[in-house]
Amino acid sequence: MIPPLRTLLIALWVACVAGAAVIAGLVLGYYSWATFAVAGVAGLLIGVPAALANWVHLRPKRAQDLGYHLTSQMG
């Protein structure tokens, strides 16, 4: 089972990045299905790594137990 915190963070980051990309595309005048496709891909490519990095900083002990390495010392 995938941990709920990690799942929630991934969903939030992907949705936020994709939403921002859609808004930016619409503001720039791109009104086609490609705007939404590019936003979805951008959401996945940017959102998933960002969410996992955020999860590592929120749960440092658990992240180290699973083999993730922190990039900075936390207290």
C-alpha atoms as a PDB file:
ATOM      1  CA  MET A   1       0.000   0.000   0.000  1.00  0.00           C
ATOM      2  CA  ILE A   2       1.277   3.458  -0.890  1.00  0.00           C
ATOM      3  CA  PRO A   3       1.554   5.722   2.165  1.00  0.00           C
ATOM      4  CA  PRO A   4      -1.294   8.270   2.302  1.00  0.00           C
ATOM      5  CA  LEU A   5       0.949  11.299   2.895  1.00  0.00           C
ATOM      6  CA  ARG A   6       3.061  10.533  -0.155  1.00  0.00           C
ATOM      7  CA  THR A   7      -0.028   9.942  -2.304  1.00  0.00           C
ATOM      8  CA  LEU A   8      -1.617  13.191  -1.165  1.00  0.00           C
ATOM      9  CA  LEU A   9       1.552  15.188  -1.799  1.00  0.00           C
ATOM     10  CA  ILE A  10       1.973  13.743  -5.284  1.00  0.00           C
ATOM     11  CA  ALA A  11      -1.640  14.492  -6.196  1.00  0.00           C
ATOM     12  CA  LEU A  12      -1.420  18.055  -4.863  1.00  0.00           C
ATOM     13  CA  TRP A  13       1.874  18.877  -6.561  1.00  0.00           C
ATOM     14  CA  VAL A  14       0.825  17.405  -9.914  1.00  0.00           C
ATOM     15  CA  ALA A  15      -2.526  19.222  -9.820  1.00  0.00           C
ATOM     16  CA  CYS A  16      -0.958  22.545  -8.829  1.00  0.00           C
ATOM     17  CA  VAL A  17       1.773  22.429 -11.472  1.00  0.00           C
ATOM     18  CA  ALA A  18      -0.652  21.300 -14.189  1.00  0.00           C
ATOM     19  CA  GLY A  19      -3.174  23.964 -13.165  1.00  0.00           C
ATOM     20  CA  ALA A  20      -0.548  26.682 -13.293  1.00  0.00           C
ATOM     21  CA  ALA A  21       0.582  25.475 -16.722  1.00  0.00           C
ATOM     22  CA  VAL A  22      -3.005  25.474 -18.033  1.00  0.00           C
ATOM     23  CA  ILE A  23      -3.589  28.997 -16.715  1.00  0.00           C
ATOM     24  CA  ALA A  24      -0.329  30.201 -18.266  1.00  0.00           C
ATOM     25  CA  GLY A  25      -1.217  28.603 -21.602  1.00  0.00           C
ATOM     26  CA  LEU A  26      -4.700  30.101 -21.642  1.00  0.00           C
ATOM     27  CA  VAL A  27      -3.375  33.538 -20.706  1.00  0.00           C
ATOM     28  CA  LEU A  28      -0.901  33.332 -23.586  1.00  0.00           C
ATOM     29  CA  GLY A  29      -3.770  32.559 -25.967  1.00  0.00           C
ATOM     30  CA  TYR A  30      -3.305  28.836 -26.603  1.00  0.00           C
ATOM     31  CA  TYR A  31      -6.875  27.492 -26.722  1.00  0.00           C
ATOM     32  CA  SER A  32      -6.511  23.899 -27.850  1.00  0.00           C
ATOM     33  CA  TRP A  33      -6.298  20.406 -26.471  1.00  0.00           C
ATOM     34  CA  ALA A  34      -2.498  20.591 -26.727  1.00  0.00           C
ATOM     35  CA  THR A  35      -2.422  23.164 -23.913  1.00  0.00           C
ATOM     36  CA  PHE A  36      -4.017  20.655 -21.573  1.00  0.00           C
ATOM     37  CA  ALA A  37      -1.811  17.796 -22.769  1.00  0.00           C
ATOM     38  CA  VAL A  38       1.372  19.799 -22.259  1.00  0.00           C
ATOM     39  CA  ALA A  39       0.135  20.930 -18.847  1.00  0.00           C
ATOM     40  CA  GLY A  40      -0.554  17.330 -17.831  1.00  0.00           C
ATOM     41  CA  VAL A  41       2.891  16.178 -18.911  1.00  0.00           C
ATOM     42  CA  ALA A  42       4.508  19.145 -17.168  1.00  0.00           C
ATOM     43  CA  GLY A  43       2.511  18.368 -14.034  1.00  0.00           C
ATOM     44  CA  LEU A  44       3.786  14.808 -13.993  1.00  0.00           C
ATOM     45  CA  LEU A  45       7.393  15.626 -14.872  1.00  0.00           C
ATOM     46  CA  ILE A  46       7.697  18.458 -12.351  1.00  0.00           C
ATOM     47  CA  GLY A  47       5.129  17.505  -9.722  1.00  0.00           C
ATOM     48  CA  VAL A  48       6.159  13.937  -8.901  1.00  0.00           C
ATOM     49  CA  PRO A  49       9.852  14.673  -8.154  1.00  0.00           C
ATOM     50  CA  ALA A  50       8.887  17.821  -6.251  1.00  0.00           C
ATOM     51  CA  ALA A  51       6.371  15.913  -4.140  1.00  0.00           C
ATOM     52  CA  LEU A  52       8.853  13.163  -3.330  1.00  0.00           C
ATOM     53  CA  ALA A  53      11.499  15.727  -2.378  1.00  0.00           C
ATOM     54  CA  ASN A  54       8.943  17.479  -0.185  1.00  0.00           C
ATOM     55  CA  TRP A  55       7.991  14.161   1.406  1.00  0.00           C
ATOM     56  CA  VAL A  56      11.654  13.475   2.249  1.00  0.00           C
ATOM     57  CA  HIS A  57      11.813  16.761   4.171  1.00  0.00           C
ATOM     58  CA  LEU A  58       8.487  16.185   5.923  1.00  0.00           C
ATOM     59  CA  ARG A  59       9.336  12.652   7.053  1.00  0.00           C
ATOM     60  CA  PRO A  60      13.149  12.527   7.413  1.00  0.00           C
ATOM     61  CA  LYS A  61      13.327   9.402   9.617  1.00  0.00           C
ATOM     62  CA  ARG A  62      10.996   7.386   7.420  1.00  0.00           C
ATOM     63  CA  ALA A  63      12.745   8.592   4.252  1.00  0.00           C
ATOM     64  CA  GLN A  64      16.125   7.464   5.573  1.00  0.00           C
ATOM     65  CA  ASP A  65      14.681   4.084   6.533  1.00  0.00           C
ATOM     66  CA  LEU A  66      13.476   3.633   2.943  1.00  0.00           C
ATOM     67  CA  GLY A  67      16.825   4.650   1.435  1.00  0.00           C
ATOM     68  CA  TYR A  68      16.203   8.260   0.461  1.00  0.00           C
ATOM     69  CA  HIS A  69      19.070  10.584   1.337  1.00  0.00           C
ATOM     70  CA  LEU A  70      18.450  14.057   2.664  1.00  0.00           C
ATOM     71  CA  THR A  71      20.180  16.832   0.770  1.00  0.00           C
ATOM     72  CA  SER A  72      20.571  18.988   3.884  1.00  0.00           C
ATOM     73  CA  GLN A  73      20.786  18.423   7.605  1.00  0.00           C
ATOM     74  CA  MET A  74      17.555  18.980   9.482  1.00  0.00           C
ATOM     75  CA  GLY A  75      18.164  20.021  13.079  1.00  0.00           C
END
